[in-house]
C-alpha atoms as a PDB file:
ATOM      1  CA  MET A   1      86.851  30.830 157.283  1.00  0.00           C
ATOM      2  CA  PRO A   2      86.443  32.418 153.840  1.00  0.00           C
ATOM      3  CA  PRO A   3      88.921  35.094 152.786  1.00  0.00           C
ATOM      4  CA  PRO A   4      87.799  38.717 153.144  1.00  0.00           C
ATOM      5  CA  ASN A   5      86.052  40.239 150.162  1.00  0.00           C
ATOM      6  CA  ILE A   6      88.752  42.434 148.664  1.00  0.00           C
ATOM      7  CA  ASP A   7      86.685  43.289 145.591  1.00  0.00           C
ATOM      8  CA  ARG A   8      84.044  45.112 147.651  1.00  0.00           C
ATOM      9  CA  PRO A   9      83.520  48.663 146.347  1.00  0.00           C
ATOM     10  CA  PRO A  10      84.374  51.568 148.683  1.00  0.00           C
ATOM     11  CA  PHE A  11      81.697  53.438 150.603  1.00  0.00           C
ATOM     12  CA  ARG A  12      79.655  55.727 148.387  1.00  0.00           C
ATOM     13  CA  LEU A  13      77.325  58.594 149.273  1.00  0.00           C
ATOM     14  CA  GLN A  14      74.551  56.799 147.399  1.00  0.00           C
ATOM     15  CA  GLN A  15      74.567  54.177 150.152  1.00  0.00           C
ATOM     16  CA  VAL A  16      73.425  56.784 152.694  1.00  0.00           C
ATOM     17  CA  PRO A  17      69.635  56.917 153.002  1.00  0.00           C
ATOM     18  CA  PRO A  18      68.233  59.943 151.139  1.00  0.00           C
ATOM     19  CA  ALA A  19      66.687  61.348 154.316  1.00  0.00           C
ATOM     20  CA  LEU A  20      70.144  61.682 155.946  1.00  0.00           C
ATOM     21  CA  ARG A  21      72.052  63.161 152.989  1.00  0.00           C
ATOM     22  CA  PRO A  22      71.240  66.838 153.720  1.00  0.00           C
ATOM     23  CA  SER A  23      72.356  66.473 157.348  1.00  0.00           C
ATOM     24  CA  LEU A  24      75.800  64.947 156.603  1.00  0.00           C
ATOM     25  CA  PRO A  25      77.676  68.298 156.587  1.00  0.00           C
ATOM     26  CA  PHE A  26      75.930  69.256 159.835  1.00  0.00           C
ATOM     27  CA  LEU A  27      76.860  65.934 161.462  1.00  0.00           C
ATOM     28  CA  ALA A  28      80.448  66.286 160.238  1.00  0.00           C
ATOM     29  CA  SER A  29      80.701  69.782 161.730  1.00  0.00           C
ATOM     30  CA  ILE A  30      79.365  68.530 165.085  1.00  0.00           C
ATOM     31  CA  LEU A  31      81.919  65.714 165.074  1.00  0.00           C
ATOM     32  CA  LEU A  32      84.735  68.159 164.307  1.00  0.00           C
ATOM     33  CA  PHE A  33      83.548  70.446 167.119  1.00  0.00           C
ATOM     34  CA  LEU A  34      83.554  67.577 169.606  1.00  0.00           C
ATOM     35  CA  VAL A  35      87.066  66.538 168.595  1.00  0.00           C
ATOM     36  CA  LEU A  36      88.359  70.097 168.990  1.00  0.00           C
ATOM     37  CA  LEU A  37      86.550  70.481 172.301  1.00  0.00           C
ATOM     38  CA  GLY A  38      88.188  67.298 173.598  1.00  0.00           C
ATOM     39  CA  ALA A  39      91.623  68.550 172.570  1.00  0.00           C
ATOM     40  CA  ALA A  40      91.027  71.906 174.257  1.00  0.00           C
ATOM     41  CA  TYR A  41      89.807  70.198 177.435  1.00  0.00           C
ATOM     42  CA  ALA A  42      93.011  68.181 177.853  1.00  0.00           C
ATOM     43  CA  GLU A  43      94.202  68.585 181.413  1.00  0.00           C
ATOM     44  CA  GLU A  44      97.314  70.590 182.096  1.00  0.00           C
ATOM     45  CA  PHE A  45      98.936  69.893 185.454  1.00  0.00           C
ATOM     46  CA  PRO A  46     101.611  72.036 187.117  1.00  0.00           C
ATOM     47  CA  LYS A  47     105.028  70.494 186.561  1.00  0.00           C
ATOM     48  CA  ILE A  48     108.153  70.303 188.688  1.00  0.00           C
ATOM     49  CA  SER A  49     111.653  69.074 187.959  1.00  0.00           C
ATOM     50  CA  PRO A  50     113.158  66.344 190.167  1.00  0.00           C
ATOM     51  CA  SER A  51     116.010  68.712 191.012  1.00  0.00           C
ATOM     52  CA  GLN A  52     113.514  71.138 192.614  1.00  0.00           C
ATOM     53  CA  LEU A  53     112.256  68.503 195.052  1.00  0.00           C
ATOM     54  CA  PRO A  54     113.519  68.323 198.656  1.00  0.00           C
ATOM     55  CA  GLY A  55     116.410  65.876 199.152  1.00  0.00           C
ATOM     56  CA  SER A  56     114.346  63.130 200.784  1.00  0.00           C
ATOM     57  CA  MET A  57     111.744  63.293 198.016  1.00  0.00           C
ATOM     58  CA  GLN A  58     114.494  63.131 195.389  1.00  0.00           C
ATOM     59  CA  GLU A  59     115.684  59.882 196.969  1.00  0.00           C
ATOM     60  CA  LEU A  60     112.151  58.441 196.989  1.00  0.00           C
ATOM     61  CA  TYR A  61     111.584  59.478 193.384  1.00  0.00           C
ATOM     62  CA  ALA A  62     114.922  57.985 192.295  1.00  0.00           C
ATOM     63  CA  ARG A  63     113.888  54.707 193.954  1.00  0.00           C
ATOM     64  CA  GLU A  64     110.441  54.676 192.284  1.00  0.00           C
ATOM     65  CA  GLN A  65     111.506  55.892 188.829  1.00  0.00           C
ATOM     66  CA  PRO A  66     112.805  52.551 187.439  1.00  0.00           C
ATOM     67  CA  GLY A  67     109.456  50.877 188.150  1.00  0.00           C
ATOM     68  CA  LEU A  68     107.325  53.517 186.435  1.00  0.00           C
ATOM     69  CA  GLY A  69     107.497  51.884 183.049  1.00  0.00           C
ATOM     70  CA  GLN A  70     106.556  53.594 179.815  1.00  0.00           C
ATOM     71  CA  TYR A  71     103.399  55.379 180.987  1.00  0.00           C
ATOM     72  CA  GLY A  72     103.874  55.772 184.757  1.00  0.00           C
ATOM     73  CA  HIS A  73     104.136  59.187 186.403  1.00  0.00           C
ATOM     74  CA  CYS A  74     104.819  60.641 189.842  1.00  0.00           C
ATOM     75  CA  ALA A  75     103.430  63.769 191.490  1.00  0.00           C
ATOM     76  CA  ALA A  76     104.699  65.628 194.527  1.00  0.00           C
ATOM     77  CA  GLY A  77     103.479  68.374 196.823  1.00  0.00           C
ATOM     78  CA  PHE A  78     105.199  69.818 199.877  1.00  0.00           C
ATOM     79  CA  ASP A  79     104.929  72.708 202.307  1.00  0.00           C
ATOM     80  CA  SER A  80     108.285  72.150 204.022  1.00  0.00           C
ATOM     81  CA  ARG A  81     111.609  71.051 202.576  1.00  0.00           C
ATOM     82  CA  THR A  82     112.642  69.389 205.865  1.00  0.00           C
ATOM     83  CA  ASP A  83     109.472  68.165 207.641  1.00  0.00           C
ATOM     84  CA  GLY A  84     108.547  64.745 206.261  1.00  0.00           C
ATOM     85  CA  LEU A  85     104.968  65.133 207.508  1.00  0.00           C
ATOM     86  CA  LYS A  86     104.484  68.083 205.166  1.00  0.00           C
ATOM     87  CA  MET A  87     105.404  66.156 201.985  1.00  0.00           C
ATOM     88  CA  ALA A  88     103.283  64.039 199.682  1.00  0.00           C
ATOM     89  CA  LEU A  89     104.608  61.873 196.855  1.00  0.00           C
ATOM     90  CA  SER A  90     102.469  59.541 194.800  1.00  0.00           C
ATOM     91  CA  CYS A  91     103.291  57.469 191.723  1.00  0.00           C
ATOM     92  CA  SER A  92     101.050  55.634 189.289  1.00  0.00           C
ATOM     93  CA  MET A  93     102.319  52.471 187.643  1.00  0.00           C
ATOM     94  CA  TYR A  94     100.751  49.829 185.414  1.00  0.00           C
ATOM     95  CA  VAL A  95      98.450  52.245 183.585  1.00  0.00           C
ATOM     96  CA  ARG A  96      97.280  52.048 179.974  1.00  0.00           C
ATOM     97  CA  SER A  97      98.212  55.535 178.833  1.00  0.00           C
ATOM     98  CA  SER A  98     100.484  58.369 179.852  1.00  0.00           C
ATOM     99  CA  ALA A  99      97.529  60.726 180.356  1.00  0.00           C
ATOM    100  CA  GLN A 100      95.838  58.225 182.652  1.00  0.00           C
ATOM    101  CA  GLY A 101      99.070  57.839 184.626  1.00  0.00           C
ATOM    102  CA  ALA A 102      99.436  61.605 185.020  1.00  0.00           C
ATOM    103  CA  ARG A 103      95.812  62.069 186.129  1.00  0.00           C
ATOM    104  CA  LEU A 104      96.012  59.213 188.615  1.00  0.00           C
ATOM    105  CA  ALA A 105      99.333  60.342 190.109  1.00  0.00           C
ATOM    106  CA  VAL A 106      98.094  63.910 190.664  1.00  0.00           C
ATOM    107  CA  LYS A 107      94.736  62.718 192.006  1.00  0.00           C
ATOM    108  CA  LEU A 108      96.332  60.334 194.528  1.00  0.00           C
ATOM    109  CA  CYS A 109      98.909  62.931 195.538  1.00  0.00           C
ATOM    110  CA  ASN A 110      96.222  65.575 196.111  1.00  0.00           C
ATOM    111  CA  GLU A 111      94.225  63.102 198.220  1.00  0.00           C
ATOM    112  CA  ARG A 112      97.311  62.384 200.310  1.00  0.00           C
ATOM    113  CA  ALA A 113      98.068  66.109 200.580  1.00  0.00           C
ATOM    114  CA  ASP A 114      94.522  66.769 201.820  1.00  0.00           C
ATOM    115  CA  PHE A 115      94.887  63.998 204.391  1.00  0.00           C
ATOM    116  CA  LEU A 116      98.197  65.441 205.638  1.00  0.00           C
ATOM    117  CA  LYS A 117      96.785  69.001 205.503  1.00  0.00           C
ATOM    118  CA  ILE A 118      99.386  70.176 202.987  1.00  0.00           C
ATOM    119  CA  LYS A 119      98.396  73.495 201.444  1.00  0.00           C
ATOM    120  CA  ALA A 120     100.512  73.231 198.274  1.00  0.00           C
ATOM    121  CA  ARG A 121      98.830  71.400 195.410  1.00  0.00           C
ATOM    122  CA  CYS A 122     100.675  68.504 193.820  1.00  0.00           C
ATOM    123  CA  SER A 123     102.753  68.962 190.687  1.00  0.00           C
ATOM    124  CA  LEU A 124     103.636  66.370 188.086  1.00  0.00           C
ATOM    125  CA  ILE A 125     107.317  65.401 188.195  1.00  0.00           C
ATOM    126  CA  VAL A 126     108.870  65.662 184.732  1.00  0.00           C
ATOM    127  CA  ASP A 127     112.490  64.981 183.836  1.00  0.00           C
END
């Protein structure tokens, strides 16, 4: 395999076809808008501290926490601090990014909460 061409000149505006040159600032502004829109659309989930969880959920979370890894997250929702049938806890492990782990944990917790007819929406557990 030949070595990469290090002597290649950098990209120049002259290499852009003349028909596209007037639209470059417009295309750049659209790209900037899309980047800013994506940043503004980032999901924000309600958060809860592990100390605010009911005792039984604190025990479950403490048992699951070591296996979460770098990007894993847990979410919890509960209507009663004593009735185990009114609590939902869901954790996501083995995910590629922290945002994906947070989304998945809240989604699975909300599905479980709907199944158990829990009125409170799930919150992301953050230390």
